[in-house]
Amino acid sequence: MQQSRAAGGRGCAFVPLQGVLFFLGAYTALSLEIKADAHVRGYVGENIKLKCTFKSTSSITDKLTIDWTYRPPSSSRTESIFHYQSFQYPTTAGIFRDRISWVGNVYKGDASISINNPTMKDNGTFSCAVKNPPDVHHNIPTTELTVTERGFGTVLSSVGLLSVLVFIPSAVVVVLLLVRMGRKFAGLKKKSKSGYKKSSIEVSDDTDQEEESNCMRRLCVRCAECLDSDYEETY
């Protein structure tokens, strides 16, 4: 009877220990954290980046894998479009053939890809799965992609933004220059009406010129007098 009680006590002690170990194991297995944009909007013909980042408690090794899958709208069918394990393996079949480019960096926690020359047929759900043993993650994030034509409204908004950034500052500069020129012209006109007063430098220059002309005039008069007197003496 005592032996059975002892065995039962060990069993009760073993069950909680198993629960703790299971919880710790589950926590370790879910320590990989993955994030992706829930919604991405793009335009036909313009490359689209599907961003995916991850954080792992384990160091990056050759065992790390990245898998991108695609599911069309209103469909449960999924297809693999990109695989990474030390090297890049974009899909060689399907609608994304030769249109998937790797733009990530696993050592920086980046698992992003790019879709080249997208069309509206690319609309759908994309999933990013990362595994870095012993770290794994079961809650794979998804991204809803919407590709549309770039309409006239978008072009108009771009033109409007360009006008704000370029033409408006230029117009302001031109207006300021015109205002400055107008004020300068008005000042000159006002001076001409009220009479222009010469500066001291200009007055001194005019005085010097008058004195020089007076000296020349006096010199000419004396020369003329001398000639007259000489002429009279000869007679």
Protein backbone atom coordinates (compact mmCIF):
# COMPACT_ATOMS: atom_id res chain seq x y z
CA MET A 1 0.00 0.00 0.00
CA GLN A 2 2.80 2.38 0.84
CA GLN A 3 4.62 1.51 -2.38
CA SER A 4 1.54 2.27 -4.46
CA ARG A 5 1.11 5.62 -2.71
CA ALA A 6 4.73 6.46 -3.38
CA ALA A 7 4.32 5.54 -7.04
CA GLY A 8 1.21 7.68 -7.28
CA GLY A 9 3.04 10.61 -5.73
CA ARG A 10 5.86 10.32 -8.25
CA GLY A 11 3.30 10.20 -11.08
CA CYS A 12 1.63 13.38 -9.85
CA ALA A 13 4.97 15.12 -9.64
CA PHE A 14 5.95 13.93 -13.15
CA VAL A 15 2.85 15.30 -14.90
CA PRO A 16 3.44 18.97 -13.98
CA LEU A 17 7.08 18.60 -14.95
CA GLN A 18 6.03 17.35 -18.41
CA GLY A 19 3.70 20.35 -18.78
CA VAL A 20 6.45 22.80 -17.94
CA LEU A 21 8.85 21.18 -20.40
CA PHE A 22 6.18 21.18 -23.12
CA PHE A 23 5.46 24.87 -22.48
CA LEU A 24 9.15 25.77 -22.62
CA GLY A 25 9.56 23.75 -25.82
CA ALA A 26 6.58 25.46 -27.44
CA TYR A 27 7.88 28.88 -26.44
CA THR A 28 11.29 28.08 -27.92
CA ALA A 29 9.73 26.79 -31.15
CA LEU A 30 7.66 29.97 -31.55
CA SER A 31 10.55 32.37 -30.86
CA LEU A 32 10.85 33.27 -34.57
CA GLU A 33 8.95 36.48 -35.31
CA ILE A 34 7.84 37.32 -38.88
CA LYS A 35 6.20 40.53 -40.10
CA ALA A 36 4.77 41.50 -43.50
CA ASP A 37 2.61 44.31 -44.89
CA ALA A 38 -1.05 43.35 -44.73
CA HIS A 39 -1.96 45.32 -47.88
CA VAL A 40 0.20 46.46 -50.79
CA ARG A 41 -0.98 48.58 -53.74
CA GLY A 42 0.91 48.74 -57.03
CA TYR A 43 0.55 49.87 -60.62
CA VAL A 44 0.81 48.00 -63.90
CA GLY A 45 4.36 47.97 -65.26
CA GLU A 46 5.96 49.40 -62.09
CA ASN A 47 7.99 47.02 -59.93
CA ILE A 48 6.31 46.09 -56.64
CA LYS A 49 8.19 45.18 -53.45
CA LEU A 50 6.63 42.63 -51.10
CA LYS A 51 8.25 43.35 -47.75
CA CYS A 52 8.86 40.60 -45.18
CA THR A 53 11.09 40.85 -42.09
CA PHE A 54 11.94 38.36 -39.36
CA LYS A 55 13.69 38.14 -35.99
CA SER A 56 15.28 34.95 -34.74
CA THR A 57 16.93 34.12 -31.43
CA SER A 58 19.27 31.71 -33.24
CA SER A 59 22.15 32.72 -35.46
CA ILE A 60 21.67 32.56 -39.22
CA THR A 61 22.90 29.29 -40.72
CA ASP A 62 22.65 27.38 -44.00
CA LYS A 63 19.53 25.70 -42.61
CA LEU A 64 17.51 28.92 -42.86
CA THR A 65 14.76 28.70 -45.48
CA ILE A 66 12.37 31.25 -46.95
CA ASP A 67 9.29 30.33 -48.97
CA TRP A 68 6.92 32.69 -50.75
CA THR A 69 3.59 31.32 -51.99
CA TYR A 70 0.77 32.85 -54.03
CA ARG A 71 -2.98 32.26 -53.92
CA PRO A 72 -5.26 33.80 -56.59
CA PRO A 73 -8.41 35.68 -55.54
CA SER A 74 -11.42 33.50 -54.67
CA SER A 75 -9.31 30.35 -54.81
CA SER A 76 -7.81 27.91 -52.32
CA ARG A 77 -5.04 26.82 -54.70
CA THR A 78 -1.55 27.99 -53.75
CA GLU A 79 1.67 27.85 -55.72
CA SER A 80 5.30 28.34 -54.73
CA ILE A 81 6.87 31.38 -56.41
CA PHE A 82 10.18 31.69 -54.53
CA HIS A 83 12.46 29.56 -52.35
CA TYR A 84 15.66 30.53 -50.57
CA GLN A 85 18.25 28.38 -48.83
CA SER A 86 21.76 29.82 -49.17
CA PHE A 87 20.83 30.55 -52.79
CA GLN A 88 17.86 32.11 -54.58
CA TYR A 89 15.38 29.87 -56.36
CA PRO A 90 12.66 31.95 -58.10
CA THR A 91 9.91 30.05 -59.84
CA THR A 92 10.50 28.88 -63.39
CA ALA A 93 6.84 28.18 -64.16
CA GLY A 94 3.44 29.83 -63.88
CA ILE A 95 2.45 33.47 -64.28
CA PHE A 96 5.42 34.68 -62.18
CA ARG A 97 8.06 32.97 -64.29
CA ASP A 98 11.19 35.15 -64.62
CA ARG A 99 9.43 38.02 -62.81
CA ILE A 100 10.45 37.43 -59.17
CA SER A 101 13.61 39.09 -57.84
CA TRP A 102 15.28 38.69 -54.45
CA VAL A 103 15.74 42.07 -52.69
CA GLY A 104 16.24 40.80 -49.14
CA ASN A 105 19.21 40.19 -46.85
CA VAL A 106 18.91 37.29 -44.41
CA TYR A 107 21.70 38.64 -42.19
CA LYS A 108 19.64 41.79 -41.66
CA GLY A 109 16.40 39.88 -41.12
CA ASP A 110 14.99 40.84 -44.53
CA ALA A 111 13.15 38.26 -46.66
CA SER A 112 11.60 40.65 -49.20
CA ILE A 113 11.04 39.97 -52.89
CA SER A 114 10.08 42.13 -55.88
CA ILE A 115 7.60 41.49 -58.71
CA ASN A 116 8.83 42.80 -62.04
CA ASN A 117 6.45 44.16 -64.67
CA PRO A 118 3.29 43.42 -62.64
CA THR A 119 -0.16 43.11 -64.19
CA MET A 120 -3.67 43.02 -62.76
CA LYS A 121 -3.54 39.21 -63.07
CA ASP A 122 -1.04 39.25 -60.17
CA ASN A 123 -3.71 40.31 -57.68
CA GLY A 124 -4.08 37.88 -54.81
CA THR A 125 -2.63 36.76 -51.48
CA PHE A 126 1.08 36.24 -50.88
CA SER A 127 2.53 34.39 -47.89
CA CYS A 128 6.01 34.64 -46.42
CA ALA A 129 7.31 31.65 -44.42
CA VAL A 130 10.70 31.67 -42.67
CA LYS A 131 12.36 28.84 -40.77
CA ASN A 132 15.67 29.07 -38.96
CA PRO A 133 16.10 25.79 -37.04
CA PRO A 134 15.67 25.39 -34.19
CA ASP A 135 13.46 28.50 -34.49
CA VAL A 136 10.21 28.03 -36.42
CA HIS A 137 7.00 30.00 -36.76
CA HIS A 138 3.54 28.63 -37.57
CA ASN A 139 1.62 31.91 -37.87
CA ILE A 140 2.68 32.80 -41.41
CA PRO A 141 1.82 36.44 -42.32
CA THR A 142 -0.02 37.21 -45.57
CA THR A 143 -0.05 40.20 -47.91
CA GLU A 144 -3.00 41.21 -50.09
CA LEU A 145 -1.74 42.69 -53.36
CA THR A 146 -3.87 45.00 -55.52
CA VAL A 147 -2.50 46.02 -58.92
CA THR A 148 -4.33 48.74 -60.89
CA GLU A 149 -3.75 51.01 -63.85
CA ARG A 150 -2.23 54.37 -63.03
CA GLY A 151 -5.15 56.68 -63.87
CA PHE A 152 -5.35 60.31 -64.97
CA GLY A 153 -6.02 61.40 -61.40
CA THR A 154 -2.73 59.95 -60.22
CA VAL A 155 -0.83 61.64 -63.05
CA LEU A 156 -2.59 64.91 -62.29
CA SER A 157 -1.66 64.68 -58.64
CA SER A 158 1.98 64.08 -59.62
CA VAL A 159 1.90 67.14 -61.86
CA GLY A 160 0.36 69.17 -59.07
CA LEU A 161 3.05 68.07 -56.65
CA LEU A 162 5.74 69.00 -59.18
CA SER A 163 4.14 72.42 -59.58
CA VAL A 164 4.15 72.99 -55.84
CA LEU A 165 7.80 71.97 -55.49
CA VAL A 166 9.20 73.78 -58.56
CA PHE A 167 6.97 76.36 -60.23
CA ILE A 168 5.50 78.08 -57.18
CA PRO A 169 8.89 78.95 -55.58
CA SER A 170 10.09 80.22 -58.98
CA ALA A 171 6.99 82.39 -59.33
CA VAL A 172 7.55 83.84 -55.85
CA VAL A 173 11.14 84.77 -56.75
CA VAL A 174 9.98 86.48 -59.98
CA VAL A 175 7.30 88.46 -58.11
CA LEU A 176 9.83 89.62 -55.52
CA LEU A 177 12.22 90.76 -58.26
CA LEU A 178 9.43 92.67 -60.02
CA VAL A 179 8.43 94.36 -56.76
CA ARG A 180 12.03 95.37 -56.11
CA MET A 181 12.44 96.76 -59.63
CA GLY A 182 9.16 98.67 -59.31
CA ARG A 183 10.27 100.28 -56.04
CA LYS A 184 13.61 101.25 -57.58
CA PHE A 185 11.92 102.80 -60.63
CA ALA A 186 9.50 104.71 -58.41
CA GLY A 187 12.42 106.09 -56.39
CA LEU A 188 14.24 107.29 -59.49
CA LYS A 189 11.08 108.92 -60.79
CA LYS A 190 10.54 110.68 -57.48
CA LYS A 191 14.10 112.04 -57.52
CA SER A 192 13.66 113.38 -61.05
CA LYS A 193 10.51 115.26 -60.05
CA SER A 194 11.85 116.75 -56.81
CA GLY A 195 15.24 117.71 -58.25
CA TYR A 196 18.38 115.66 -57.93
CA LYS A 197 20.95 116.94 -55.43
CA LYS A 198 24.51 116.14 -56.33
CA SER A 199 26.81 114.53 -53.86
CA SER A 200 29.88 116.29 -52.42
CA ILE A 201 32.19 114.36 -54.72
CA GLU A 202 30.25 115.36 -57.82
CA VAL A 203 30.18 119.04 -56.64
CA SER A 204 33.95 119.08 -56.07
CA ASP A 205 34.55 117.62 -59.53
CA ASP A 206 32.40 120.30 -61.13
CA THR A 207 34.25 123.06 -59.18
CA ASP A 208 37.63 121.79 -60.31
CA GLN A 209 36.51 121.77 -63.92
CA GLU A 210 35.20 125.37 -63.64
CA GLU A 211 38.48 126.56 -62.12
CA GLU A 212 40.49 124.91 -64.89
CA SER A 213 38.31 126.52 -67.56
CA ASN A 214 38.68 129.99 -65.88
CA CYS A 215 42.46 129.61 -65.76
CA MET A 216 42.58 128.70 -69.42
CA ARG A 217 40.36 131.67 -70.25
CA ARG A 218 42.58 134.12 -68.32
CA LEU A 219 45.68 132.65 -69.92
CA CYS A 220 44.19 133.11 -73.39
CA VAL A 221 43.27 136.78 -72.60
CA ARG A 222 46.83 137.57 -71.46
CA CYS A 223 48.32 135.96 -74.52
CA ALA A 224 46.01 138.08 -76.69
CA GLU A 225 47.03 141.29 -74.82
CA CYS A 226 50.73 140.48 -75.28
CA LEU A 227 50.27 139.98 -78.99
CA ASP A 228 48.42 143.28 -79.29
CA SER A 229 51.14 145.18 -77.44
CA ASP A 230 53.87 143.69 -79.60
CA TYR A 231 51.93 144.61 -82.70
CA GLU A 232 51.56 148.23 -81.53
CA GLU A 233 55.29 148.53 -80.71
CA THR A 234 56.29 147.53 -84.22
CA TYR A 235 54.44 150.50 -85.53
